[in-house]
Amino acid sequence: MGEIVQEDKGVLKQTLLIEIEKAKETMIQVAREEGITSESTLQVSQSIDQLLNRLHKVSLTK
């Protein structure tokens, strides 16, 4: 049973890493178009923070 949880955790981590990379690319594009301090850029940045927090929580759990 523990192996299944570990496997799911690994898949979740990989999914989060992919989501983070996509969001970073989006943030760079939005920042280029609208400026680094635009509301849209800040929103994408906050979503990246949330993803990073989720990744950190997953990494801490056994």
N, C-alpha and C. Protein backbone atom coordinates (compact mmCIF):
# COMPACT_ATOMS: atom_id res chain seq x y z
N MET A 1 0.83 -1.20 0.00
CA MET A 1 0.00 0.00 0.00
C MET A 1 0.87 1.25 0.00
N GLY A 2 1.96 1.25 0.77
CA GLY A 2 2.84 2.40 0.83
C GLY A 2 3.47 2.73 -0.51
N GLU A 3 3.72 1.71 -1.32
CA GLU A 3 4.32 1.92 -2.64
C GLU A 3 3.39 2.69 -3.56
N ILE A 4 2.10 2.40 -3.46
CA ILE A 4 1.12 3.10 -4.29
C ILE A 4 1.10 4.57 -3.94
N VAL A 5 1.11 4.89 -2.64
CA VAL A 5 1.11 6.28 -2.20
C VAL A 5 2.37 6.98 -2.70
N GLN A 6 3.52 6.34 -2.59
CA GLN A 6 4.77 6.92 -3.07
C GLN A 6 4.71 7.19 -4.56
N GLU A 7 4.14 6.24 -5.31
CA GLU A 7 4.04 6.40 -6.76
C GLU A 7 3.12 7.57 -7.10
N ASP A 8 1.99 7.66 -6.42
CA ASP A 8 1.06 8.78 -6.64
C ASP A 8 1.73 10.10 -6.30
N LYS A 9 2.50 10.10 -5.22
CA LYS A 9 3.22 11.31 -4.80
C LYS A 9 4.22 11.73 -5.88
N GLY A 10 4.90 10.76 -6.46
CA GLY A 10 5.86 11.05 -7.52
C GLY A 10 5.19 11.63 -8.75
N VAL A 11 4.03 11.09 -9.10
CA VAL A 11 3.28 11.60 -10.25
C VAL A 11 2.81 13.02 -9.96
N LEU A 12 2.31 13.25 -8.75
CA LEU A 12 1.85 14.58 -8.37
C LEU A 12 3.00 15.59 -8.42
N LYS A 13 4.16 15.21 -7.91
CA LYS A 13 5.32 16.10 -7.95
C LYS A 13 5.69 16.45 -9.40
N GLN A 14 5.71 15.44 -10.26
CA GLN A 14 6.06 15.67 -11.66
C GLN A 14 5.04 16.58 -12.33
N THR A 15 3.76 16.35 -12.04
CA THR A 15 2.69 17.18 -12.59
C THR A 15 2.85 18.63 -12.13
N LEU A 16 3.13 18.80 -10.84
CA LEU A 16 3.31 20.15 -10.31
C LEU A 16 4.51 20.84 -10.96
N LEU A 17 5.60 20.12 -11.15
CA LEU A 17 6.78 20.70 -11.78
C LEU A 17 6.47 21.15 -13.21
N ILE A 18 5.70 20.36 -13.93
CA ILE A 18 5.30 20.73 -15.29
C ILE A 18 4.42 21.98 -15.26
N GLU A 19 3.46 22.00 -14.34
CA GLU A 19 2.56 23.16 -14.20
C GLU A 19 3.36 24.43 -13.87
N ILE A 20 4.34 24.29 -12.99
CA ILE A 20 5.17 25.43 -12.60
C ILE A 20 5.94 25.96 -13.80
N GLU A 21 6.52 25.07 -14.59
CA GLU A 21 7.27 25.50 -15.78
C GLU A 21 6.37 26.21 -16.78
N LYS A 22 5.17 25.66 -16.99
CA LYS A 22 4.22 26.31 -17.92
C LYS A 22 3.85 27.70 -17.42
N ALA A 23 3.59 27.80 -16.12
CA ALA A 23 3.20 29.09 -15.54
C ALA A 23 4.35 30.09 -15.62
N LYS A 24 5.58 29.63 -15.44
CA LYS A 24 6.73 30.53 -15.56
C LYS A 24 6.84 31.09 -16.98
N GLU A 25 6.62 30.22 -17.96
CA GLU A 25 6.66 30.67 -19.36
C GLU A 25 5.55 31.69 -19.63
N THR A 26 4.37 31.42 -19.08
CA THR A 26 3.25 32.34 -19.23
C THR A 26 3.58 33.68 -18.58
N MET A 27 4.15 33.64 -17.38
CA MET A 27 4.48 34.88 -16.68
C MET A 27 5.49 35.71 -17.47
N ILE A 28 6.48 35.06 -18.04
CA ILE A 28 7.48 35.78 -18.83
C ILE A 28 6.82 36.46 -20.03
N GLN A 29 5.94 35.72 -20.70
CA GLN A 29 5.24 36.27 -21.87
C GLN A 29 4.36 37.46 -21.48
N VAL A 30 3.60 37.30 -20.41
CA VAL A 30 2.70 38.38 -19.95
C VAL A 30 3.53 39.59 -19.53
N ALA A 31 4.64 39.36 -18.84
CA ALA A 31 5.49 40.46 -18.40
C ALA A 31 6.07 41.22 -19.60
N ARG A 32 6.42 40.49 -20.64
CA ARG A 32 6.93 41.15 -21.86
C ARG A 32 5.86 42.00 -22.52
N GLU A 33 4.63 41.50 -22.51
CA GLU A 33 3.54 42.22 -23.18
C GLU A 33 2.97 43.36 -22.35
N GLU A 34 2.84 43.12 -21.04
CA GLU A 34 2.12 44.08 -20.20
C GLU A 34 2.99 44.78 -19.16
N GLY A 35 4.21 44.31 -19.00
CA GLY A 35 5.09 44.90 -18.00
C GLY A 35 5.17 44.01 -16.77
N ILE A 36 6.31 44.11 -16.11
CA ILE A 36 6.58 43.22 -14.99
C ILE A 36 5.69 43.49 -13.78
N THR A 37 5.17 44.72 -13.67
CA THR A 37 4.33 45.05 -12.52
C THR A 37 2.84 45.07 -12.85
N SER A 38 2.47 44.56 -14.01
CA SER A 38 1.06 44.56 -14.38
C SER A 38 0.27 43.61 -13.48
N GLU A 39 -1.02 43.85 -13.38
CA GLU A 39 -1.89 43.01 -12.56
C GLU A 39 -1.87 41.56 -13.06
N SER A 40 -1.86 41.37 -14.38
CA SER A 40 -1.84 40.02 -14.95
C SER A 40 -0.55 39.28 -14.58
N THR A 41 0.57 39.97 -14.65
CA THR A 41 1.85 39.36 -14.30
C THR A 41 1.84 38.96 -12.83
N LEU A 42 1.32 39.84 -11.99
CA LEU A 42 1.28 39.54 -10.56
C LEU A 42 0.36 38.35 -10.27
N GLN A 43 -0.74 38.25 -11.00
CA GLN A 43 -1.64 37.12 -10.80
C GLN A 43 -0.97 35.79 -11.16
N VAL A 44 -0.26 35.79 -12.27
CA VAL A 44 0.45 34.57 -12.67
C VAL A 44 1.53 34.23 -11.64
N SER A 45 2.22 35.25 -11.16
CA SER A 45 3.25 35.05 -10.14
C SER A 45 2.65 34.43 -8.88
N GLN A 46 1.48 34.90 -8.49
CA GLN A 46 0.81 34.35 -7.31
C GLN A 46 0.39 32.90 -7.53
N SER A 47 -0.03 32.58 -8.74
CA SER A 47 -0.40 31.19 -9.02
C SER A 47 0.84 30.28 -8.96
N ILE A 48 1.98 30.80 -9.39
CA ILE A 48 3.23 30.05 -9.29
C ILE A 48 3.57 29.82 -7.81
N ASP A 49 3.39 30.84 -7.00
CA ASP A 49 3.63 30.70 -5.56
C ASP A 49 2.76 29.60 -4.96
N GLN A 50 1.50 29.54 -5.36
CA GLN A 50 0.59 28.51 -4.86
C GLN A 50 1.05 27.12 -5.30
N LEU A 51 1.47 27.01 -6.54
CA LEU A 51 1.98 25.73 -7.03
C LEU A 51 3.24 25.31 -6.28
N LEU A 52 4.13 26.26 -6.04
CA LEU A 52 5.36 25.97 -5.30
C LEU A 52 5.04 25.54 -3.87
N ASN A 53 4.05 26.18 -3.26
CA ASN A 53 3.64 25.79 -1.90
C ASN A 53 3.09 24.37 -1.89
N ARG A 54 2.29 24.03 -2.90
CA ARG A 54 1.76 22.66 -3.00
C ARG A 54 2.89 21.65 -3.18
N LEU A 55 3.85 21.99 -4.03
CA LEU A 55 5.00 21.11 -4.25
C LEU A 55 5.77 20.90 -2.95
N HIS A 56 5.95 21.97 -2.22
CA HIS A 56 6.68 21.89 -0.93
C HIS A 56 5.93 20.98 0.04
N LYS A 57 4.61 21.13 0.12
CA LYS A 57 3.82 20.27 1.02
C LYS A 57 3.94 18.81 0.63
N VAL A 58 3.84 18.53 -0.67
CA VAL A 58 3.96 17.15 -1.14
C VAL A 58 5.33 16.59 -0.81
N SER A 59 6.35 17.41 -0.95
CA SER A 59 7.72 16.96 -0.69
C SER A 59 7.95 16.68 0.79
N LEU A 60 7.21 17.36 1.65
CA LEU A 60 7.39 17.17 3.10
C LEU A 60 6.68 15.93 3.62
N THR A 61 5.58 15.54 2.97
CA THR A 61 4.81 14.40 3.47
C THR A 61 5.52 13.09 3.13
N LYS A 62 5.37 12.14 4.02
CA LYS A 62 6.02 10.83 3.83
C LYS A 62 5.07 9.83 3.26
